[in-house]
């Protein structure tokens, strides 16, 4: 599946801490109804069996709305549930090695904080043994840049300056999504950075009415991107 810039516009990242009145699946469906353009399942506590069951169910839900389904970090789960993509951080498996495991059709996203990391992810830096086999498929399909603002979701996240985000988007030719502390009050501050959209956690799943909030957030993201 090819990753288009439009896929990044409203990128929903799940967080179980916001469940209560609704199940996680109900929350995700509301986000999809509200216009989420991509969904990433992030689970840090579930055992593998429950994680896989949830991933299979969420993949089917996203397919119903024609939206790519991404698994965070866990390459094995992504392969088993036939996810559309996998997202890895700088401390996770190197992108080239991920590509060798998942094949050329799965979307790969990589978290970056500077131009050096961004270019390395885009080229994927795979081992030479895979070079001929995978050719252009070695490249990461999109980048996640952040944290753009202070975030309570990932307390150890270092903030990325506006200038650094601009440098990254100027240096690569794949889609870039901004993440970290972004909400409807500060989305428009990202105007001019060159990012293709926003990845949101609490701004979506912490909302009282997720569907309506997503409609508002998507409109703001579109305004930000067009600037």
Protein backbone atom coordinates (compact mmCIF):
# COMPACT_ATOMS: atom_id res chain seq x y z
CA UNK A 1 0.00 0.00 0.00
CA UNK A 2 1.41 3.35 -1.03
CA UNK A 3 1.48 6.09 1.60
CA UNK A 4 0.07 9.34 0.27
CA UNK A 5 0.55 12.74 1.89
CA UNK A 6 -3.21 12.90 2.45
CA UNK A 7 -2.92 9.85 4.70
CA UNK A 8 -1.06 11.99 7.25
CA UNK A 9 -3.74 14.70 7.53
CA UNK A 10 -5.45 13.37 10.68
CA UNK A 11 -3.41 10.46 12.04
CA UNK A 12 -5.05 8.95 15.14
CA UNK A 13 -2.80 7.18 17.67
CA UNK A 14 -4.64 5.07 20.24
CA UNK A 15 -4.18 5.29 23.99
CA UNK A 16 -6.08 2.95 26.28
CA UNK A 17 -5.96 5.40 29.21
CA UNK A 18 -8.83 7.36 27.64
CA UNK A 19 -11.25 4.42 27.54
CA UNK A 20 -14.09 4.38 30.06
CA UNK A 21 -17.50 5.24 28.72
CA UNK A 22 -16.47 3.62 25.43
CA UNK A 23 -14.30 0.70 24.43
CA UNK A 24 -11.15 1.41 22.44
CA UNK A 25 -12.82 -0.02 19.34
CA UNK A 26 -15.82 2.29 19.77
CA UNK A 27 -13.49 5.25 20.16
CA UNK A 28 -11.56 4.34 17.02
CA UNK A 29 -14.78 3.99 15.03
CA UNK A 30 -15.89 7.44 16.18
CA UNK A 31 -12.52 8.82 15.05
CA UNK A 32 -12.99 7.16 11.67
CA UNK A 33 -16.50 8.57 11.37
CA UNK A 34 -15.05 11.99 12.14
CA UNK A 35 -12.54 11.75 9.32
CA UNK A 36 -9.36 10.17 10.69
CA UNK A 37 -7.12 9.41 7.71
CA UNK A 38 -4.87 6.88 9.44
CA UNK A 39 -5.03 4.85 12.67
CA UNK A 40 -2.07 3.60 14.68
CA UNK A 41 -2.62 0.98 17.37
CA UNK A 42 -0.20 1.54 20.23
CA UNK A 43 -0.24 -1.01 23.03
CA UNK A 44 2.46 -1.30 25.68
CA UNK A 45 0.77 -3.49 28.28
CA UNK A 46 -1.30 -6.18 26.48
CA UNK A 47 0.05 -9.70 26.12
CA UNK A 48 0.69 -10.93 22.58
CA UNK A 49 -2.52 -12.96 22.29
CA UNK A 50 -4.79 -10.07 23.29
CA UNK A 51 -2.74 -7.61 21.24
CA UNK A 52 -3.10 -9.76 18.11
CA UNK A 53 -6.85 -10.24 18.63
CA UNK A 54 -7.32 -6.50 19.03
CA UNK A 55 -5.13 -5.74 16.02
CA UNK A 56 -7.10 -8.09 13.77
CA UNK A 57 -10.38 -6.49 14.86
CA UNK A 58 -9.08 -2.95 14.41
CA UNK A 59 -7.59 -3.77 11.01
CA UNK A 60 -11.04 -4.92 9.85
CA UNK A 61 -12.64 -1.77 11.26
CA UNK A 62 -10.19 0.51 9.45
CA UNK A 63 -10.66 -1.45 6.23
CA UNK A 64 -14.40 -0.80 6.48
CA UNK A 65 -13.65 2.94 6.29
CA UNK A 66 -10.85 2.60 3.74
CA UNK A 67 -8.24 3.94 6.17
CA UNK A 68 -4.70 2.52 6.63
CA UNK A 69 -4.11 0.61 9.86
CA UNK A 70 -0.64 0.91 11.43
CA UNK A 71 0.82 -1.09 14.34
CA UNK A 72 3.27 0.65 16.64
CA UNK A 73 6.63 -1.05 17.30
CA UNK A 74 5.58 -4.71 17.16
CA UNK A 75 6.66 -6.06 13.77
CA UNK A 76 5.49 -9.59 14.54
CA UNK A 77 1.95 -8.44 15.35
CA UNK A 78 1.89 -6.24 12.25
CA UNK A 79 2.78 -9.23 10.06
CA UNK A 80 0.34 -11.62 11.76
CA UNK A 81 -2.65 -9.27 11.56
CA UNK A 82 -1.72 -8.20 8.01
CA UNK A 83 -1.59 -4.56 9.02
CA UNK A 84 -1.21 -1.92 6.34
CA UNK A 85 1.85 -0.60 8.11
CA UNK A 86 4.30 -0.59 11.00
CA UNK A 87 5.72 2.42 12.85
CA UNK A 88 9.10 2.22 14.59
CA UNK A 89 11.09 4.65 16.72
CA UNK A 90 14.80 5.39 16.78
CA UNK A 91 15.31 2.89 19.61
CA UNK A 92 13.41 0.13 17.80
CA UNK A 93 14.44 -2.09 14.89
CA UNK A 94 16.27 -0.26 12.09
CA UNK A 95 14.01 0.53 9.14
CA UNK A 96 15.97 -1.50 6.62
CA UNK A 97 15.71 -4.60 8.77
CA UNK A 98 11.98 -3.98 9.23
CA UNK A 99 11.58 -3.79 5.45
CA UNK A 100 13.37 -7.10 5.06
CA UNK A 101 10.85 -8.72 7.41
CA UNK A 102 7.60 -7.13 6.22
CA UNK A 103 8.22 -7.04 2.47
CA UNK A 104 7.78 -4.26 -0.04
CA UNK A 105 4.02 -3.70 0.29
CA UNK A 106 3.73 -2.75 3.97
CA UNK A 107 3.94 0.92 4.94
CA UNK A 108 6.86 1.75 7.21
CA UNK A 109 6.87 4.88 9.35
CA UNK A 110 9.87 6.04 11.36
CA UNK A 111 10.14 8.59 14.18
CA UNK A 112 12.78 11.26 13.60
CA UNK A 113 14.07 14.37 15.36
CA UNK A 114 16.63 15.74 12.90
CA UNK A 115 17.69 15.71 9.25
CA UNK A 116 20.33 13.04 9.78
CA UNK A 117 17.79 10.60 11.20
CA UNK A 118 15.26 11.55 8.54
CA UNK A 119 17.61 10.86 5.65
CA UNK A 120 18.77 7.61 7.23
CA UNK A 121 15.16 6.47 7.59
CA UNK A 122 14.27 7.47 4.04
CA UNK A 123 17.19 5.47 2.68
CA UNK A 124 16.57 2.83 5.35
CA UNK A 125 20.27 1.93 5.47
CA UNK A 126 19.61 -1.76 4.98
CA UNK A 127 22.38 -4.31 4.96
CA UNK A 128 23.91 -4.91 1.51
CA UNK A 129 22.55 -8.45 1.36
CA UNK A 130 19.07 -7.00 0.92
CA UNK A 131 20.05 -4.22 -1.46
CA UNK A 132 19.42 -5.96 -4.77
CA UNK A 133 16.36 -7.80 -3.57
CA UNK A 134 14.44 -4.82 -2.23
CA UNK A 135 15.82 -1.94 -4.32
CA UNK A 136 13.55 1.11 -3.91
CA UNK A 137 11.31 -0.75 -1.47
CA UNK A 138 13.99 -0.20 1.17
CA UNK A 139 12.86 3.36 1.70
CA UNK A 140 10.67 4.31 4.67
CA UNK A 141 7.26 5.46 3.48
CA UNK A 142 6.70 8.32 5.92
CA UNK A 143 8.30 10.06 8.89
CA UNK A 144 6.91 11.10 12.26
CA UNK A 145 8.57 14.29 13.56
CA UNK A 146 8.32 15.46 17.15
CA UNK A 147 7.62 16.12 19.87
CA UNK A 148 6.52 19.46 18.44
CA UNK A 149 5.17 20.63 21.80
CA UNK A 150 5.38 19.43 25.39
CA UNK A 151 3.43 16.20 25.72
CA UNK A 152 2.14 14.25 28.68
CA UNK A 153 1.69 11.12 26.56
CA UNK A 154 5.42 10.44 26.29
CA UNK A 155 7.19 12.10 29.20
CA UNK A 156 10.73 11.41 27.95
CA UNK A 157 10.09 12.91 24.50
CA UNK A 158 12.44 15.72 23.49
CA UNK A 159 10.85 18.66 21.76
CA UNK A 160 11.74 19.37 18.14
CA UNK A 161 12.02 22.99 17.07
CA UNK A 162 9.99 24.52 14.28
CA UNK A 163 13.23 25.10 12.38
CA UNK A 164 14.24 21.43 12.69
CA UNK A 165 10.84 20.35 11.35
CA UNK A 166 11.28 22.69 8.39
CA UNK A 167 14.74 21.28 7.70
CA UNK A 168 13.42 17.72 7.77
CA UNK A 169 10.48 18.34 5.43
CA UNK A 170 12.79 20.18 3.02
CA UNK A 171 15.32 17.34 3.03
CA UNK A 172 13.01 14.39 2.27
CA UNK A 173 10.49 13.59 -0.44
CA UNK A 174 8.22 11.29 1.57
CA UNK A 175 5.24 12.36 3.72
CA UNK A 176 5.94 13.82 7.16
CA UNK A 177 3.50 13.90 10.07
CA UNK A 178 3.99 16.07 13.16
CA UNK A 179 3.43 14.52 16.58
CA UNK A 180 3.67 15.44 20.24
CA UNK A 181 1.51 17.76 22.30
CA UNK A 182 -0.57 18.87 19.32
CA UNK A 183 -4.16 19.98 19.86
CA UNK A 184 -6.73 22.27 18.26
CA UNK A 185 -5.25 25.31 20.02
CA UNK A 186 -1.77 24.92 18.50
CA UNK A 187 -2.19 23.06 15.19
CA UNK A 188 -2.07 26.28 13.20
CA UNK A 189 1.30 27.12 14.78
CA UNK A 190 2.69 24.41 12.49
CA UNK A 191 1.88 26.47 9.39
CA UNK A 192 4.92 26.77 7.16
CA UNK A 193 6.79 23.78 8.59
CA UNK A 194 5.99 21.66 5.54
CA UNK A 195 4.41 18.80 7.49
CA UNK A 196 1.57 16.94 5.80
CA UNK A 197 -0.61 16.48 8.85
CA UNK A 198 -0.77 15.80 12.56
CA UNK A 199 -0.62 12.64 14.66
CA UNK A 200 -2.83 13.03 17.72
CA UNK A 201 -3.43 11.00 20.86
CA UNK A 202 -5.23 12.79 23.70
CA UNK A 203 -6.56 15.53 21.40
CA UNK A 204 -8.69 12.82 19.80
CA UNK A 205 -9.21 10.08 22.37
CA UNK A 206 -9.49 12.40 25.35
CA UNK A 207 -12.31 14.35 23.70
CA UNK A 208 -15.87 14.22 25.03
CA UNK A 209 -17.25 13.76 21.51
CA UNK A 210 -14.54 12.09 19.42
CA UNK A 211 -16.40 12.19 16.10
CA UNK A 212 -17.13 15.91 16.25
CA UNK A 213 -13.68 16.72 17.58
CA UNK A 214 -12.09 14.87 14.68
CA UNK A 215 -14.10 16.92 12.21
CA UNK A 216 -12.77 20.11 13.81
CA UNK A 217 -9.19 18.82 14.02
CA UNK A 218 -9.21 17.64 10.40
CA UNK A 219 -10.39 21.03 9.18
CA UNK A 220 -7.65 22.76 11.18
CA UNK A 221 -5.02 20.34 9.88
CA UNK A 222 -6.15 20.96 6.31
CA UNK A 223 -5.88 24.72 6.89
CA UNK A 224 -2.40 24.27 8.37
CA UNK A 225 -1.18 22.14 5.45
CA UNK A 226 -2.52 24.51 2.81
CA UNK A 227 -0.77 27.53 4.32
